[in-house]
């Protein structure tokens, strides 16, 4: 969870996202992290993709061998149903880990 509170939603969730990703990386050491948006982050105009790119750029060179693959997916609750958002997350995962055909 990104643990977005009312204050974070109004003031911006970028710092909360960074803190959460750092905590997950340190405590869990996963190979893959899925970063899913919410209706709140989508409606408030948060640039989650840009924030994720900035986050990845800060440690990509230093941790290239041990860094998890982080996949950002737009999954607002107001767009389609649960199955649509599940499909979007699954498609993003496949695109990230399966090599493109030659």
C-alpha atoms as a PDB file:
ATOM      1  CA  UNK A   1       0.000   0.000   0.000  1.00  0.00           C
ATOM      2  CA  UNK A   2       1.116   3.540  -0.595  1.00  0.00           C
ATOM      3  CA  UNK A   3      -0.756   4.550   2.561  1.00  0.00           C
ATOM      4  CA  UNK A   4      -2.121   7.701   0.957  1.00  0.00           C
ATOM      5  CA  UNK A   5      -3.933   9.779   3.549  1.00  0.00           C
ATOM      6  CA  UNK A   6      -6.122  12.817   2.956  1.00  0.00           C
ATOM      7  CA  UNK A   7      -3.138  15.106   3.586  1.00  0.00           C
ATOM      8  CA  UNK A   8      -0.924  13.144   1.208  1.00  0.00           C
ATOM      9  CA  UNK A   9      -3.632  13.217  -1.460  1.00  0.00           C
ATOM     10  CA  UNK A  10      -3.862  17.004  -1.251  1.00  0.00           C
ATOM     11  CA  UNK A  11      -0.154  17.750  -0.831  1.00  0.00           C
ATOM     12  CA  UNK A  12       1.124  15.099  -3.247  1.00  0.00           C
ATOM     13  CA  UNK A  13       1.945  11.447  -2.879  1.00  0.00           C
ATOM     14  CA  UNK A  14       5.460  11.462  -4.359  1.00  0.00           C
ATOM     15  CA  UNK A  15       7.259  11.403  -1.014  1.00  0.00           C
ATOM     16  CA  UNK A  16       4.950   8.680   0.308  1.00  0.00           C
ATOM     17  CA  UNK A  17       5.614   6.613  -2.806  1.00  0.00           C
ATOM     18  CA  UNK A  18       9.382   6.942  -2.377  1.00  0.00           C
ATOM     19  CA  UNK A  19       9.206   6.042   1.320  1.00  0.00           C
ATOM     20  CA  UNK A  20       6.995   3.038   0.603  1.00  0.00           C
ATOM     21  CA  UNK A  21       9.157   1.750  -2.249  1.00  0.00           C
ATOM     22  CA  UNK A  22      12.293   2.173  -0.116  1.00  0.00           C
ATOM     23  CA  UNK A  23      10.683   0.274   2.766  1.00  0.00           C
ATOM     24  CA  UNK A  24       9.542  -2.563   0.504  1.00  0.00           C
ATOM     25  CA  UNK A  25      12.978  -2.830  -1.100  1.00  0.00           C
ATOM     26  CA  UNK A  26      14.763  -2.925   2.256  1.00  0.00           C
ATOM     27  CA  UNK A  27      12.404  -5.220   4.157  1.00  0.00           C
ATOM     28  CA  UNK A  28      11.144  -7.601   1.487  1.00  0.00           C
ATOM     29  CA  UNK A  29      13.876  -7.528  -1.178  1.00  0.00           C
ATOM     30  CA  UNK A  30      11.438  -8.536  -3.952  1.00  0.00           C
ATOM     31  CA  UNK A  31      12.468  -9.234  -7.531  1.00  0.00           C
ATOM     32  CA  UNK A  32       9.418  -7.357  -8.873  1.00  0.00           C
ATOM     33  CA  UNK A  33       7.276  -4.563  -7.410  1.00  0.00           C
ATOM     34  CA  UNK A  34       3.942  -3.570  -8.947  1.00  0.00           C
ATOM     35  CA  UNK A  35       3.033   0.094  -8.448  1.00  0.00           C
ATOM     36  CA  UNK A  36      -0.689   0.560  -9.057  1.00  0.00           C
ATOM     37  CA  UNK A  37      -2.398   3.927  -9.172  1.00  0.00           C
ATOM     38  CA  UNK A  38      -5.723   4.715  -7.540  1.00  0.00           C
ATOM     39  CA  UNK A  39      -8.636   6.914  -8.463  1.00  0.00           C
ATOM     40  CA  UNK A  40      -7.303   9.569  -6.064  1.00  0.00           C
ATOM     41  CA  UNK A  41      -3.853   9.756  -7.652  1.00  0.00           C
ATOM     42  CA  UNK A  42      -5.335   9.748 -11.152  1.00  0.00           C
ATOM     43  CA  UNK A  43      -7.936  12.464 -10.489  1.00  0.00           C
ATOM     44  CA  UNK A  44      -5.553  14.697  -8.537  1.00  0.00           C
ATOM     45  CA  UNK A  45      -3.211  14.794 -11.514  1.00  0.00           C
ATOM     46  CA  UNK A  46      -0.285  13.067  -9.824  1.00  0.00           C
ATOM     47  CA  UNK A  47       2.441  12.215 -12.320  1.00  0.00           C
ATOM     48  CA  UNK A  48       3.049   8.747 -10.912  1.00  0.00           C
ATOM     49  CA  UNK A  49       4.916   7.661 -14.037  1.00  0.00           C
ATOM     50  CA  UNK A  50       7.223  10.676 -13.836  1.00  0.00           C
ATOM     51  CA  UNK A  51       7.745  10.187 -10.111  1.00  0.00           C
ATOM     52  CA  UNK A  52       8.592   6.534 -10.722  1.00  0.00           C
ATOM     53  CA  UNK A  53      11.085   7.423 -13.487  1.00  0.00           C
ATOM     54  CA  UNK A  54      12.765   9.931 -11.154  1.00  0.00           C
ATOM     55  CA  UNK A  55      12.883   7.355  -8.365  1.00  0.00           C
ATOM     56  CA  UNK A  56      14.386   4.717 -10.649  1.00  0.00           C
ATOM     57  CA  UNK A  57      17.004   7.172 -11.924  1.00  0.00           C
ATOM     58  CA  UNK A  58      18.221   7.903  -8.388  1.00  0.00           C
ATOM     59  CA  UNK A  59      19.383   4.350  -7.729  1.00  0.00           C
ATOM     60  CA  UNK A  60      19.501   2.583 -11.078  1.00  0.00           C
ATOM     61  CA  UNK A  61      23.274   2.840 -11.516  1.00  0.00           C
ATOM     62  CA  UNK A  62      24.216   2.075  -7.913  1.00  0.00           C
ATOM     63  CA  UNK A  63      21.893  -0.900  -7.441  1.00  0.00           C
ATOM     64  CA  UNK A  64      21.652  -2.270 -10.963  1.00  0.00           C
ATOM     65  CA  UNK A  65      22.464  -5.837  -9.909  1.00  0.00           C
ATOM     66  CA  UNK A  66      20.142  -6.037  -6.904  1.00  0.00           C
ATOM     67  CA  UNK A  67      17.388  -3.595  -7.819  1.00  0.00           C
ATOM     68  CA  UNK A  68      13.890  -4.999  -8.278  1.00  0.00           C
ATOM     69  CA  UNK A  69      11.958  -4.486 -11.467  1.00  0.00           C
ATOM     70  CA  UNK A  70       9.319  -1.860 -10.640  1.00  0.00           C
ATOM     71  CA  UNK A  71       6.303  -1.813 -12.932  1.00  0.00           C
ATOM     72  CA  UNK A  72       3.925   1.140 -12.788  1.00  0.00           C
ATOM     73  CA  UNK A  73       0.351   0.568 -13.943  1.00  0.00           C
ATOM     74  CA  UNK A  74      -2.571   2.973 -14.272  1.00  0.00           C
ATOM     75  CA  UNK A  75      -5.448   1.302 -12.396  1.00  0.00           C
ATOM     76  CA  UNK A  76      -7.997   3.950 -11.399  1.00  0.00           C
ATOM     77  CA  UNK A  77     -11.130   2.494  -9.827  1.00  0.00           C
ATOM     78  CA  UNK A  78     -13.405   4.667 -11.965  1.00  0.00           C
ATOM     79  CA  UNK A  79     -12.222   3.199 -15.277  1.00  0.00           C
ATOM     80  CA  UNK A  80     -13.744  -0.190 -15.992  1.00  0.00           C
ATOM     81  CA  UNK A  81     -14.119  -2.967 -13.470  1.00  0.00           C
ATOM     82  CA  UNK A  82     -11.752  -5.034 -11.406  1.00  0.00           C
ATOM     83  CA  UNK A  83     -11.105  -7.421 -14.289  1.00  0.00           C
ATOM     84  CA  UNK A  84     -10.058  -4.504 -16.532  1.00  0.00           C
ATOM     85  CA  UNK A  85      -7.510  -3.263 -13.992  1.00  0.00           C
ATOM     86  CA  UNK A  86      -6.264  -6.819 -13.392  1.00  0.00           C
ATOM     87  CA  UNK A  87      -5.789  -7.199 -17.148  1.00  0.00           C
ATOM     88  CA  UNK A  88      -3.868  -3.894 -17.307  1.00  0.00           C
ATOM     89  CA  UNK A  89      -1.564  -4.989 -14.480  1.00  0.00           C
ATOM     90  CA  UNK A  90      -0.981  -8.396 -16.059  1.00  0.00           C
ATOM     91  CA  UNK A  91      -0.301  -6.856 -19.471  1.00  0.00           C
ATOM     92  CA  UNK A  92       2.230  -4.426 -17.955  1.00  0.00           C
ATOM     93  CA  UNK A  93       3.981  -7.312 -16.201  1.00  0.00           C
ATOM     94  CA  UNK A  94       4.161  -9.371 -19.388  1.00  0.00           C
ATOM     95  CA  UNK A  95       5.456  -6.413 -21.413  1.00  0.00           C
ATOM     96  CA  UNK A  96       8.142  -5.795 -18.789  1.00  0.00           C
ATOM     97  CA  UNK A  97       9.462  -9.345 -18.449  1.00  0.00           C
ATOM     98  CA  UNK A  98       8.818 -11.090 -21.769  1.00  0.00           C
ATOM     99  CA  UNK A  99      11.214 -10.148 -24.581  1.00  0.00           C
ATOM    100  CA  UNK A 100       9.604  -8.663 -27.678  1.00  0.00           C
ATOM    101  CA  UNK A 101       9.503 -11.018 -30.674  1.00  0.00           C
ATOM    102  CA  UNK A 102      12.161 -10.433 -33.293  1.00  0.00           C
END
